[in-house]
Protein backbone atom coordinates (compact mmCIF):
# COMPACT_ATOMS: atom_id res chain seq x y z
CA UNK A 1 177.17 -33.24 24.77
CA UNK A 2 180.71 -35.10 23.98
CA UNK A 3 180.67 -39.08 23.28
CA UNK A 4 182.01 -39.75 26.88
CA UNK A 5 179.53 -37.65 28.95
CA UNK A 6 176.68 -39.20 26.99
CA UNK A 7 178.15 -42.56 27.40
CA UNK A 8 179.00 -42.24 30.89
CA UNK A 9 175.60 -41.11 31.69
CA UNK A 10 173.60 -44.33 30.00
CA UNK A 11 176.38 -46.74 31.86
CA UNK A 12 175.46 -44.69 34.96
CA UNK A 13 171.83 -46.46 34.81
CA UNK A 14 173.45 -50.21 34.65
CA UNK A 15 171.88 -52.68 32.88
CA UNK A 16 168.17 -52.81 33.29
CA UNK A 17 164.45 -54.04 31.16
CA UNK A 18 165.46 -51.71 28.49
CA UNK A 19 169.37 -51.79 28.65
CA UNK A 20 172.26 -54.31 28.70
CA UNK A 21 175.84 -54.45 28.21
CA UNK A 22 177.57 -56.69 26.11
CA UNK A 23 181.77 -56.69 26.49
CA UNK A 24 183.01 -59.06 23.63
CA UNK A 25 180.81 -60.02 20.51
CA UNK A 26 181.97 -63.00 19.20
CA UNK A 27 178.91 -65.33 18.96
CA UNK A 28 176.20 -63.61 16.79
CA UNK A 29 173.45 -66.01 18.10
CA UNK A 30 174.26 -64.82 21.99
CA UNK A 31 173.66 -61.13 20.38
CA UNK A 32 170.59 -62.10 18.78
CA UNK A 33 168.90 -63.57 21.91
CA UNK A 34 168.68 -59.57 23.34
CA UNK A 35 168.22 -58.41 19.88
CA UNK A 36 164.55 -60.86 20.30
CA UNK A 37 164.16 -60.52 24.09
CA UNK A 38 164.22 -56.38 23.24
CA UNK A 39 162.32 -56.50 20.04
CA UNK A 40 159.42 -58.65 21.62
CA UNK A 41 159.46 -56.30 25.20
CA UNK A 42 159.50 -52.97 24.61
CA UNK A 43 162.53 -52.37 22.69
CA UNK A 44 165.92 -51.45 24.46
CA UNK A 45 169.36 -50.71 23.33
CA UNK A 46 172.54 -53.00 23.80
CA UNK A 47 176.17 -51.29 24.86
CA UNK A 48 178.72 -53.20 22.94
CA UNK A 49 182.08 -52.39 24.29
CA UNK A 50 181.21 -51.91 28.15
CA UNK A 51 182.07 -54.82 30.59
CA UNK A 52 179.23 -55.73 33.27
CA UNK A 53 181.19 -53.31 35.79
CA UNK A 54 180.67 -50.14 33.44
CA UNK A 55 184.23 -50.51 32.14
CA UNK A 56 184.58 -49.16 28.46
CA UNK A 57 186.63 -52.01 26.85
CA UNK A 58 185.58 -50.71 23.52
CA UNK A 59 185.09 -53.24 20.41
CA UNK A 60 187.15 -54.78 17.72
CA UNK A 61 185.62 -52.16 15.19
CA UNK A 62 185.43 -53.99 12.28
CA UNK A 63 185.15 -57.87 13.51
CA UNK A 64 182.26 -56.96 15.75
CA UNK A 65 180.38 -54.86 14.52
CA UNK A 66 179.88 -57.84 11.35
CA UNK A 67 178.61 -59.95 14.11
CA UNK A 68 176.03 -57.72 15.16
CA UNK A 69 174.78 -57.07 11.47
CA UNK A 70 174.38 -60.88 11.59
CA UNK A 71 172.90 -61.14 14.69
CA UNK A 72 170.05 -58.98 13.68
CA UNK A 73 169.61 -60.08 10.02
CA UNK A 74 170.89 -63.48 9.65
CA UNK A 75 170.21 -65.32 13.05
CA UNK A 76 166.53 -63.49 13.96
CA UNK A 77 163.23 -64.00 12.05
CA UNK A 78 161.48 -62.09 11.15
CA UNK A 79 164.58 -59.73 10.54
CA UNK A 80 164.37 -57.34 13.62
CA UNK A 81 164.99 -53.58 13.05
CA UNK A 82 168.36 -52.49 14.64
CA UNK A 83 170.19 -49.85 14.43
CA UNK A 84 173.82 -49.17 14.93
CA UNK A 85 175.62 -45.85 16.22
CA UNK A 86 179.31 -45.29 17.01
CA UNK A 87 180.57 -43.74 20.00
CA UNK A 88 184.15 -42.74 20.73
CA UNK A 89 185.46 -42.06 24.34
CA UNK A 90 188.97 -42.84 26.20
CA UNK A 91 190.53 -44.13 22.31
CA UNK A 92 187.54 -46.77 21.93
CA UNK A 93 184.73 -47.36 20.18
CA UNK A 94 181.27 -48.31 21.89
CA UNK A 95 178.75 -49.21 19.68
CA UNK A 96 174.77 -48.91 20.55
CA UNK A 97 172.57 -51.50 18.88
CA UNK A 98 169.33 -49.65 19.29
CA UNK A 99 166.21 -52.26 19.16
CA UNK A 100 162.59 -50.48 18.83
CA UNK A 101 160.08 -52.79 20.32
CA UNK A 102 158.70 -54.94 17.03
CA UNK A 103 154.90 -55.15 15.34
CA UNK A 104 155.69 -58.51 13.99
CA UNK A 105 156.05 -60.57 17.53
CA UNK A 106 157.33 -63.07 18.35
CA UNK A 107 160.97 -62.09 17.03
CA UNK A 108 162.94 -65.32 17.17
CA UNK A 109 166.63 -65.78 17.70
CA UNK A 110 168.20 -69.02 16.81
CA UNK A 111 170.21 -70.62 19.36
CA UNK A 112 173.45 -72.81 19.40
CA UNK A 113 171.61 -75.99 18.89
CA UNK A 114 169.96 -74.44 15.49
CA UNK A 115 166.44 -74.28 17.31
CA UNK A 116 164.54 -70.60 16.75
CA UNK A 117 163.08 -69.54 20.23
CA UNK A 118 161.47 -66.40 21.16
CA UNK A 119 162.61 -64.29 24.01
CA UNK A 120 161.33 -61.83 26.29
CA UNK A 121 163.32 -58.81 28.60
CA UNK A 122 162.53 -59.29 32.06
CA UNK A 123 164.30 -56.60 34.52
CA UNK A 124 167.87 -57.17 33.49
CA UNK A 125 167.54 -60.73 32.15
CA UNK A 126 166.50 -62.31 28.47
CA UNK A 127 164.27 -65.16 29.43
CA UNK A 128 162.58 -67.79 26.73
CA UNK A 129 158.72 -66.59 26.20
CA UNK A 130 156.23 -68.81 27.86
CA UNK A 131 154.29 -71.05 24.95
CA UNK A 132 151.13 -68.55 26.26
CA UNK A 133 153.12 -65.18 25.17
CA UNK A 134 153.70 -66.84 21.68
CA UNK A 135 150.32 -67.98 21.03
CA UNK A 136 149.09 -64.48 22.57
CA UNK A 137 151.64 -62.43 19.60
CA UNK A 138 150.11 -65.34 16.82
CA UNK A 139 146.62 -64.32 17.88
CA UNK A 140 147.42 -60.37 18.25
CA UNK A 141 148.30 -60.35 14.76
CA UNK A 142 144.86 -61.19 13.72
CA UNK A 143 141.89 -58.94 13.49
CA UNK A 144 141.10 -56.60 16.10
CA UNK A 145 137.22 -57.31 16.38
CA UNK A 146 137.93 -61.10 16.63
CA UNK A 147 135.96 -62.55 19.96
CA UNK A 148 136.37 -65.58 22.12
CA UNK A 149 133.52 -67.28 22.62
CA UNK A 150 132.69 -68.61 26.24
CA UNK A 151 132.24 -72.42 25.66
CA UNK A 152 132.52 -75.76 27.93
CA UNK A 153 136.37 -75.56 27.29
CA UNK A 154 136.61 -72.45 28.78
CA UNK A 155 134.30 -73.10 31.27
CA UNK A 156 136.30 -75.66 32.56
CA UNK A 157 139.58 -74.03 32.31
CA UNK A 158 138.46 -70.89 34.29
CA UNK A 159 136.83 -73.46 36.86
CA UNK A 160 140.47 -74.34 37.96
CA UNK A 161 141.92 -70.86 37.52
CA UNK A 162 142.59 -70.41 41.93
CA UNK A 163 145.92 -68.33 42.98
CA UNK A 164 148.91 -68.61 40.65
CA UNK A 165 149.09 -71.76 38.21
CA UNK A 166 151.60 -72.62 36.35
CA UNK A 167 150.60 -73.68 32.65
CA UNK A 168 151.82 -77.32 33.57
CA UNK A 169 149.32 -77.54 36.36
CA UNK A 170 146.63 -75.79 34.41
CA UNK A 171 146.68 -78.39 31.97
CA UNK A 172 147.09 -80.96 34.91
CA UNK A 173 143.90 -79.69 36.60
CA UNK A 174 141.50 -78.93 33.61
CA UNK A 175 142.25 -82.46 32.38
CA UNK A 176 142.23 -80.34 28.56
CA UNK A 177 144.98 -80.94 26.02
CA UNK A 178 148.03 -78.44 26.55
CA UNK A 179 147.87 -76.99 22.96
CA UNK A 180 143.79 -76.21 23.41
CA UNK A 181 144.94 -74.54 27.04
CA UNK A 182 147.98 -72.70 25.68
CA UNK A 183 145.62 -71.08 23.07
CA UNK A 184 142.48 -70.65 25.33
CA UNK A 185 145.06 -68.94 27.94
CA UNK A 186 145.98 -66.56 25.13
CA UNK A 187 142.78 -65.82 24.13
CA UNK A 188 142.06 -64.83 27.72
CA UNK A 189 145.11 -62.60 28.51
CA UNK A 190 144.24 -60.93 25.21
CA UNK A 191 140.73 -60.05 26.57
CA UNK A 192 141.74 -58.86 30.16
CA UNK A 193 140.27 -62.32 31.96
CA UNK A 194 143.66 -63.78 32.78
CA UNK A 195 147.19 -62.35 33.47
CA UNK A 196 150.58 -63.51 33.57
CA UNK A 197 153.64 -62.92 36.02
CA UNK A 198 157.21 -64.08 36.07
CA UNK A 199 158.44 -65.48 39.52
CA UNK A 200 161.13 -67.37 40.58
CA UNK A 201 162.26 -68.89 37.01
CA UNK A 202 158.63 -69.62 36.34
CA UNK A 203 155.78 -68.19 34.58
CA UNK A 204 152.31 -68.45 36.14
CA UNK A 205 148.98 -67.74 35.41
CA UNK A 206 145.48 -66.32 37.25
CA UNK A 207 142.61 -64.59 36.94
CA UNK A 208 142.30 -60.67 37.06
């Protein structure tokens, strides 16, 4: 298959959970958000030089490829694994940055204000990860044989888990410190007792 047919096939899929279009790459930090989101979720690819409407605009080759490398290796911590492939169609160059899911989650990206934040990919959006997911990733790096102890704090938290609740609501209802609720929810998600959903631009938690 030639480059044009291959690119048109990908573009025909549109933007989705594992694919994003980038018309121009002139800010490495913005690109780093997409890298973080793909690495922390299911992996994905960035079609750089493709507009949101699918038009192949091409990249300014040398400058934009430099920015891409900056995004992956300077503005992501820990460094994300990214493969760059170059394709040619209609006299223009498109770069596909393929990001596999990371086994070193969370991959954080530096925002414009210098803060490091972790992102996840939900449908065709890059979303700042909930502190609960951040704690979950940290816990998942620990021994797989770790157990959760059913204590008064967990009993108190589970006692208020009626329906779908935000982190703020759970803290208010349980009267437990926020940091403790975050860690408890992370462990309960890890062991399949609690699940999370992203609805109407908010993270909700509920019993399984």
